[in-house]
């Protein structure tokens, strides 16, 4: 070995022979399939988040619409409930006039009675504009959601559980009970058709 061989690094046999920069850059590049798989997973996650956000926004929109609709319908509940006393007093005033006196009434008395009846109809129509309606339970099947049973009375001519007497009118607002009707319910008669069918099944 001469001095040139000793001082020249390129002549050493233990030096790596593959020093091509292109080969080194290819070795450092990530696996394209792994990159694609990662991007696909990230896309699926973002899509799922987007769908969840859209669903939450839709649910919020529906809840808000329902709350607004309920506030329009039921916002006057307390006021309407207080006004029912006025409707009751009008009805009591009309009921206090005997049927015979009403039939024979003329002049001022007849005009007075008709005025009270007109006032009651007008008042009920104004309540109806706000969703308040009078419950008419006479002859209907007893509904614990809309009626309050004060007593039972034997009446075999109608199915058991039928409202046979109304002691105080009830009112509803929207699809809710504003005040239950106070009623008397028949007992001892034949069972209602729906109950008979359910027991037969």
C-alpha atoms as a PDB file:
ATOM      1  CA  UNK A   1       0.000   0.000   0.000  1.00  0.00           C
ATOM      2  CA  UNK A   2       1.448   3.365  -0.951  1.00  0.00           C
ATOM      3  CA  UNK A   3       0.978   6.656   0.790  1.00  0.00           C
ATOM      4  CA  UNK A   4      -1.697   7.746  -1.693  1.00  0.00           C
ATOM      5  CA  UNK A   5      -3.819   4.730  -0.846  1.00  0.00           C
ATOM      6  CA  UNK A   6      -3.521   5.479   2.854  1.00  0.00           C
ATOM      7  CA  UNK A   7      -4.575   9.106   2.571  1.00  0.00           C
ATOM      8  CA  UNK A   8      -7.333   8.733  -0.072  1.00  0.00           C
ATOM      9  CA  UNK A   9     -10.688   7.918   1.571  1.00  0.00           C
ATOM     10  CA  UNK A  10     -12.188   6.822  -1.731  1.00  0.00           C
ATOM     11  CA  UNK A  11      -9.717   4.000  -1.974  1.00  0.00           C
ATOM     12  CA  UNK A  12     -10.839   2.352   1.302  1.00  0.00           C
ATOM     13  CA  UNK A  13     -12.606  -0.941   0.756  1.00  0.00           C
ATOM     14  CA  UNK A  14     -14.860  -0.599   3.843  1.00  0.00           C
ATOM     15  CA  UNK A  15     -16.650   2.547   2.599  1.00  0.00           C
ATOM     16  CA  UNK A  16     -20.253   2.071   1.339  1.00  0.00           C
ATOM     17  CA  UNK A  17     -20.421   1.887  -2.378  1.00  0.00           C
ATOM     18  CA  UNK A  18     -24.129   2.918  -2.798  1.00  0.00           C
ATOM     19  CA  UNK A  19     -24.214   6.676  -2.198  1.00  0.00           C
ATOM     20  CA  UNK A  20     -26.846   7.571  -4.853  1.00  0.00           C
ATOM     21  CA  UNK A  21     -29.087  10.436  -3.474  1.00  0.00           C
ATOM     22  CA  UNK A  22     -32.073   9.093  -5.399  1.00  0.00           C
ATOM     23  CA  UNK A  23     -31.872   5.771  -3.584  1.00  0.00           C
ATOM     24  CA  UNK A  24     -31.760   7.494  -0.184  1.00  0.00           C
ATOM     25  CA  UNK A  25     -34.859   9.640  -0.964  1.00  0.00           C
ATOM     26  CA  UNK A  26     -36.834   6.566  -2.069  1.00  0.00           C
ATOM     27  CA  UNK A  27     -35.965   4.799   1.163  1.00  0.00           C
ATOM     28  CA  UNK A  28     -37.286   7.747   3.236  1.00  0.00           C
ATOM     29  CA  UNK A  29     -40.693   8.001   1.462  1.00  0.00           C
ATOM     30  CA  UNK A  30     -43.691   6.570   3.458  1.00  0.00           C
ATOM     31  CA  UNK A  31     -45.757   3.656   2.242  1.00  0.00           C
ATOM     32  CA  UNK A  32     -48.459   5.093  -0.085  1.00  0.00           C
ATOM     33  CA  UNK A  33     -50.973   2.449   1.017  1.00  0.00           C
ATOM     34  CA  UNK A  34     -50.483   3.414   4.665  1.00  0.00           C
ATOM     35  CA  UNK A  35     -50.991   7.085   3.767  1.00  0.00           C
ATOM     36  CA  UNK A  36     -54.163   6.257   1.844  1.00  0.00           C
ATOM     37  CA  UNK A  37     -55.499   4.188   4.707  1.00  0.00           C
ATOM     38  CA  UNK A  38     -54.817   7.021   7.178  1.00  0.00           C
ATOM     39  CA  UNK A  39     -56.509   9.617   4.940  1.00  0.00           C
ATOM     40  CA  UNK A  40     -59.515   7.320   4.475  1.00  0.00           C
ATOM     41  CA  UNK A  41     -59.870   6.914   8.244  1.00  0.00           C
ATOM     42  CA  UNK A  42     -59.612  10.677   8.794  1.00  0.00           C
ATOM     43  CA  UNK A  43     -62.208  11.309   6.080  1.00  0.00           C
ATOM     44  CA  UNK A  44     -64.613   8.817   7.656  1.00  0.00           C
ATOM     45  CA  UNK A  45     -64.144  10.436  11.065  1.00  0.00           C
ATOM     46  CA  UNK A  46     -64.780  13.913   9.680  1.00  0.00           C
ATOM     47  CA  UNK A  47     -67.849  12.662   7.823  1.00  0.00           C
ATOM     48  CA  UNK A  48     -69.198  11.071  11.004  1.00  0.00           C
ATOM     49  CA  UNK A  49     -68.639  14.290  12.954  1.00  0.00           C
ATOM     50  CA  UNK A  50     -70.382  16.276  10.248  1.00  0.00           C
ATOM     51  CA  UNK A  51     -73.395  13.948  10.254  1.00  0.00           C
ATOM     52  CA  UNK A  52     -73.624  14.106  14.048  1.00  0.00           C
ATOM     53  CA  UNK A  53     -73.473  17.900  13.983  1.00  0.00           C
ATOM     54  CA  UNK A  54     -76.199  18.058  11.329  1.00  0.00           C
ATOM     55  CA  UNK A  55     -78.384  15.678  13.365  1.00  0.00           C
ATOM     56  CA  UNK A  56     -77.920  17.758  16.519  1.00  0.00           C
ATOM     57  CA  UNK A  57     -78.793  20.947  14.631  1.00  0.00           C
ATOM     58  CA  UNK A  58     -81.929  19.321  13.208  1.00  0.00           C
ATOM     59  CA  UNK A  59     -83.005  18.134  16.676  1.00  0.00           C
ATOM     60  CA  UNK A  60     -82.381  21.612  18.069  1.00  0.00           C
ATOM     61  CA  UNK A  61     -84.442  23.160  15.269  1.00  0.00           C
ATOM     62  CA  UNK A  62     -87.347  20.802  15.949  1.00  0.00           C
ATOM     63  CA  UNK A  63     -87.226  21.408  19.707  1.00  0.00           C
ATOM     64  CA  UNK A  64     -87.152  25.151  19.156  1.00  0.00           C
ATOM     65  CA  UNK A  65     -90.125  25.004  16.778  1.00  0.00           C
ATOM     66  CA  UNK A  66     -92.080  22.903  19.279  1.00  0.00           C
ATOM     67  CA  UNK A  67     -91.270  25.271  22.138  1.00  0.00           C
ATOM     68  CA  UNK A  68     -92.384  28.247  20.052  1.00  0.00           C
ATOM     69  CA  UNK A  69     -95.613  26.492  19.058  1.00  0.00           C
ATOM     70  CA  UNK A  70     -96.293  25.466  22.678  1.00  0.00           C
ATOM     71  CA  UNK A  71     -95.674  28.992  23.918  1.00  0.00           C
ATOM     72  CA  UNK A  72     -98.192  30.325  21.411  1.00  0.00           C
ATOM     73  CA  UNK A  73    -100.822  27.783  22.439  1.00  0.00           C
ATOM     74  CA  UNK A  74    -100.197  27.424  26.161  1.00  0.00           C
ATOM     75  CA  UNK A  75     -98.777  30.855  26.984  1.00  0.00           C
ATOM     76  CA  UNK A  76    -102.240  32.058  28.036  1.00  0.00           C
ATOM     77  CA  UNK A  77    -102.993  29.024  30.221  1.00  0.00           C
ATOM     78  CA  UNK A  78    -103.005  30.817  33.573  1.00  0.00           C
ATOM     79  CA  UNK A  79    -105.006  33.752  32.224  1.00  0.00           C
ATOM     80  CA  UNK A  80    -107.526  31.437  30.547  1.00  0.00           C
ATOM     81  CA  UNK A  81    -107.921  29.399  33.731  1.00  0.00           C
ATOM     82  CA  UNK A  82    -108.752  32.570  35.669  1.00  0.00           C
ATOM     83  CA  UNK A  83    -111.337  33.538  33.039  1.00  0.00           C
ATOM     84  CA  UNK A  84    -113.219  30.262  33.484  1.00  0.00           C
ATOM     85  CA  UNK A  85    -114.821  31.669  36.638  1.00  0.00           C
ATOM     86  CA  UNK A  86    -116.445  34.358  34.504  1.00  0.00           C
ATOM     87  CA  UNK A  87    -117.778  31.687  32.124  1.00  0.00           C
ATOM     88  CA  UNK A  88    -119.129  29.730  35.098  1.00  0.00           C
ATOM     89  CA  UNK A  89    -120.929  32.801  36.451  1.00  0.00           C
ATOM     90  CA  UNK A  90    -122.564  33.441  33.086  1.00  0.00           C
ATOM     91  CA  UNK A  91    -123.746  29.833  32.957  1.00  0.00           C
ATOM     92  CA  UNK A  92    -125.084  30.012  36.509  1.00  0.00           C
ATOM     93  CA  UNK A  93    -126.972  33.209  35.685  1.00  0.00           C
ATOM     94  CA  UNK A  94    -128.643  31.516  32.713  1.00  0.00           C
ATOM     95  CA  UNK A  95    -129.393  28.326  34.671  1.00  0.00           C
ATOM     96  CA  UNK A  96    -130.935  30.292  37.530  1.00  0.00           C
ATOM     97  CA  UNK A  97    -133.868  31.337  35.337  1.00  0.00           C
ATOM     98  CA  UNK A  98    -136.586  28.646  35.502  1.00  0.00           C
ATOM     99  CA  UNK A  99    -137.554  27.129  32.166  1.00  0.00           C
ATOM    100  CA  UNK A 100    -141.183  28.229  32.618  1.00  0.00           C
ATOM    101  CA  UNK A 101    -140.153  31.833  33.345  1.00  0.00           C
ATOM    102  CA  UNK A 102    -137.884  31.818  30.333  1.00  0.00           C
ATOM    103  CA  UNK A 103    -140.648  30.512  28.087  1.00  0.00           C
ATOM    104  CA  UNK A 104    -143.129  33.131  29.324  1.00  0.00           C
ATOM    105  CA  UNK A 105    -140.607  35.976  29.438  1.00  0.00           C
ATOM    106  CA  UNK A 106    -141.310  39.058  27.377  1.00  0.00           C
ATOM    107  CA  UNK A 107    -140.089  42.586  27.133  1.00  0.00           C
ATOM    108  CA  UNK A 108    -137.105  43.546  29.280  1.00  0.00           C
ATOM    109  CA  UNK A 109    -136.782  40.161  31.029  1.00  0.00           C
ATOM    110  CA  UNK A 110    -136.583  38.332  27.703  1.00  0.00           C
ATOM    111  CA  UNK A 111    -134.011  40.814  26.390  1.00  0.00           C
ATOM    112  CA  UNK A 112    -132.002  40.432  29.605  1.00  0.00           C
ATOM    113  CA  UNK A 113    -131.911  36.631  29.316  1.00  0.00           C
ATOM    114  CA  UNK A 114    -131.001  36.755  25.660  1.00  0.00           C
ATOM    115  CA  UNK A 115    -128.271  39.290  26.442  1.00  0.00           C
ATOM    116  CA  UNK A 116    -126.671  36.979  28.980  1.00  0.00           C
ATOM    117  CA  UNK A 117    -126.820  34.047  26.556  1.00  0.00           C
ATOM    118  CA  UNK A 118    -125.276  36.177  23.816  1.00  0.00           C
ATOM    119  CA  UNK A 119    -122.519  37.309  26.184  1.00  0.00           C
ATOM    120  CA  UNK A 120    -121.727  33.702  27.074  1.00  0.00           C
ATOM    121  CA  UNK A 121    -121.540  32.625  23.422  1.00  0.00           C
ATOM    122  CA  UNK A 122    -119.349  35.593  22.554  1.00  0.00           C
ATOM    123  CA  UNK A 123    -117.027  34.929  25.478  1.00  0.00           C
ATOM    124  CA  UNK A 124    -116.644  31.241  24.592  1.00  0.00           C
ATOM    125  CA  UNK A 125    -115.926  32.111  20.964  1.00  0.00           C
ATOM    126  CA  UNK A 126    -113.179  34.499  22.068  1.00  0.00           C
ATOM    127  CA  UNK A 127    -111.669  31.799  24.273  1.00  0.00           C
ATOM    128  CA  UNK A 128    -111.770  29.432  21.294  1.00  0.00           C
ATOM    129  CA  UNK A 129    -109.551  31.830  19.331  1.00  0.00           C
ATOM    130  CA  UNK A 130    -106.821  31.044  21.852  1.00  0.00           C
ATOM    131  CA  UNK A 131    -107.388  27.294  21.723  1.00  0.00           C
ATOM    132  CA  UNK A 132    -109.670  27.095  24.767  1.00  0.00           C
ATOM    133  CA  UNK A 133    -112.688  24.866  24.184  1.00  0.00           C
ATOM    134  CA  UNK A 134    -115.524  23.712  26.380  1.00  0.00           C
ATOM    135  CA  UNK A 135    -115.612  19.985  27.101  1.00  0.00           C
ATOM    136  CA  UNK A 136    -118.951  18.319  26.371  1.00  0.00           C
ATOM    137  CA  UNK A 137    -118.774  15.020  28.298  1.00  0.00           C
ATOM    138  CA  UNK A 138    -122.490  14.232  28.573  1.00  0.00           C
ATOM    139  CA  UNK A 139    -123.065  10.686  27.293  1.00  0.00           C
ATOM    140  CA  UNK A 140    -119.342  10.115  26.674  1.00  0.00           C
ATOM    141  CA  UNK A 141    -117.150   7.436  28.195  1.00  0.00           C
ATOM    142  CA  UNK A 142    -115.423   8.642  31.352  1.00  0.00           C
ATOM    143  CA  UNK A 143    -111.925   9.936  30.571  1.00  0.00           C
ATOM    144  CA  UNK A 144    -109.716  10.455  33.650  1.00  0.00           C
ATOM    145  CA  UNK A 145    -107.565  12.867  31.658  1.00  0.00           C
ATOM    146  CA  UNK A 146    -110.486  15.207  30.976  1.00  0.00           C
ATOM    147  CA  UNK A 147    -113.101  14.347  33.609  1.00  0.00           C
ATOM    148  CA  UNK A 148    -113.257  14.311  37.397  1.00  0.00           C
ATOM    149  CA  UNK A 149    -115.774  11.831  38.794  1.00  0.00           C
ATOM    150  CA  UNK A 150    -117.638  13.213  41.798  1.00  0.00           C
ATOM    151  CA  UNK A 151    -120.019  10.307  42.264  1.00  0.00           C
ATOM    152  CA  UNK A 152    -121.433   7.150  40.709  1.00  0.00           C
ATOM    153  CA  UNK A 153    -125.113   6.518  40.139  1.00  0.00           C
ATOM    154  CA  UNK A 154    -126.902   3.331  39.064  1.00  0.00           C
ATOM    155  CA  UNK A 155    -128.191   3.519  35.514  1.00  0.00           C
ATOM    156  CA  UNK A 156    -128.580   0.190  33.663  1.00  0.00           C
ATOM    157  CA  UNK A 157    -129.732   1.975  30.506  1.00  0.00           C
ATOM    158  CA  UNK A 158    -126.196   3.057  29.572  1.00  0.00           C
ATOM    159  CA  UNK A 159    -122.824   1.282  29.642  1.00  0.00           C
ATOM    160  CA  UNK A 160    -120.941   1.426  32.929  1.00  0.00           C
ATOM    161  CA  UNK A 161    -118.497   4.313  33.034  1.00  0.00           C
ATOM    162  CA  UNK A 162    -120.673   6.624  30.954  1.00  0.00           C
ATOM    163  CA  UNK A 163    -120.959  10.269  32.006  1.00  0.00           C
ATOM    164  CA  UNK A 164    -124.618  10.775  32.903  1.00  0.00           C
ATOM    165  CA  UNK A 165    -124.488  14.127  34.688  1.00  0.00           C
ATOM    166  CA  UNK A 166    -122.255  17.193  34.405  1.00  0.00           C
ATOM    167  CA  UNK A 167    -121.908  19.202  37.587  1.00  0.00           C
ATOM    168  CA  UNK A 168    -119.361  21.709  36.285  1.00  0.00           C
ATOM    169  CA  UNK A 169    -118.178  22.258  32.730  1.00  0.00           C
ATOM    170  CA  UNK A 170    -114.598  21.423  31.837  1.00  0.00           C
ATOM    171  CA  UNK A 171    -112.273  23.127  29.384  1.00  0.00           C
ATOM    172  CA  UNK A 172    -109.286  22.124  27.291  1.00  0.00           C
ATOM    173  CA  UNK A 173    -106.511  24.200  25.760  1.00  0.00           C
ATOM    174  CA  UNK A 174    -104.844  22.724  22.718  1.00  0.00           C
ATOM    175  CA  UNK A 175    -104.631  19.014  23.453  1.00  0.00           C
ATOM    176  CA  UNK A 176    -104.290  19.515  27.208  1.00  0.00           C
ATOM    177  CA  UNK A 177    -106.871  19.682  29.958  1.00  0.00           C
ATOM    178  CA  UNK A 178    -107.281  23.204  31.298  1.00  0.00           C
ATOM    179  CA  UNK A 179    -109.881  22.183  33.874  1.00  0.00           C
ATOM    180  CA  UNK A 180    -111.507  18.755  34.157  1.00  0.00           C
ATOM    181  CA  UNK A 181    -115.263  18.510  33.915  1.00  0.00           C
ATOM    182  CA  UNK A 182    -116.835  17.479  37.213  1.00  0.00           C
ATOM    183  CA  UNK A 183    -119.207  14.648  36.367  1.00  0.00           C
ATOM    184  CA  UNK A 184    -121.344  11.826  37.651  1.00  0.00           C
ATOM    185  CA  UNK A 185    -120.666   8.373  36.183  1.00  0.00           C
ATOM    186  CA  UNK A 186    -123.068   5.493  35.603  1.00  0.00           C
ATOM    187  CA  UNK A 187    -122.504   2.083  37.144  1.00  0.00           C
ATOM    188  CA  UNK A 188    -124.326  -1.200  36.958  1.00  0.00           C
ATOM    189  CA  UNK A 189    -125.074  -1.070  33.249  1.00  0.00           C
ATOM    190  CA  UNK A 190    -123.551  -3.215  30.482  1.00  0.00           C
ATOM    191  CA  UNK A 191    -119.815  -2.896  29.926  1.00  0.00           C
ATOM    192  CA  UNK A 192    -118.584  -0.570  27.212  1.00  0.00           C
ATOM    193  CA  UNK A 193    -118.024  -2.139  23.798  1.00  0.00           C
ATOM    194  CA  UNK A 194    -114.261  -1.534  23.846  1.00  0.00           C
ATOM    195  CA  UNK A 195    -113.903  -3.287  27.213  1.00  0.00           C
ATOM    196  CA  UNK A 196    -115.969  -6.250  26.019  1.00  0.00           C
ATOM    197  CA  UNK A 197    -113.808  -6.688  22.919  1.00  0.00           C
ATOM    198  CA  UNK A 198    -110.549  -6.438  24.888  1.00  0.00           C
ATOM    199  CA  UNK A 199    -111.681  -9.081  27.379  1.00  0.00           C
ATOM    200  CA  UNK A 200    -112.796 -11.396  24.557  1.00  0.00           C
ATOM    201  CA  UNK A 201    -109.315 -11.192  23.010  1.00  0.00           C
END
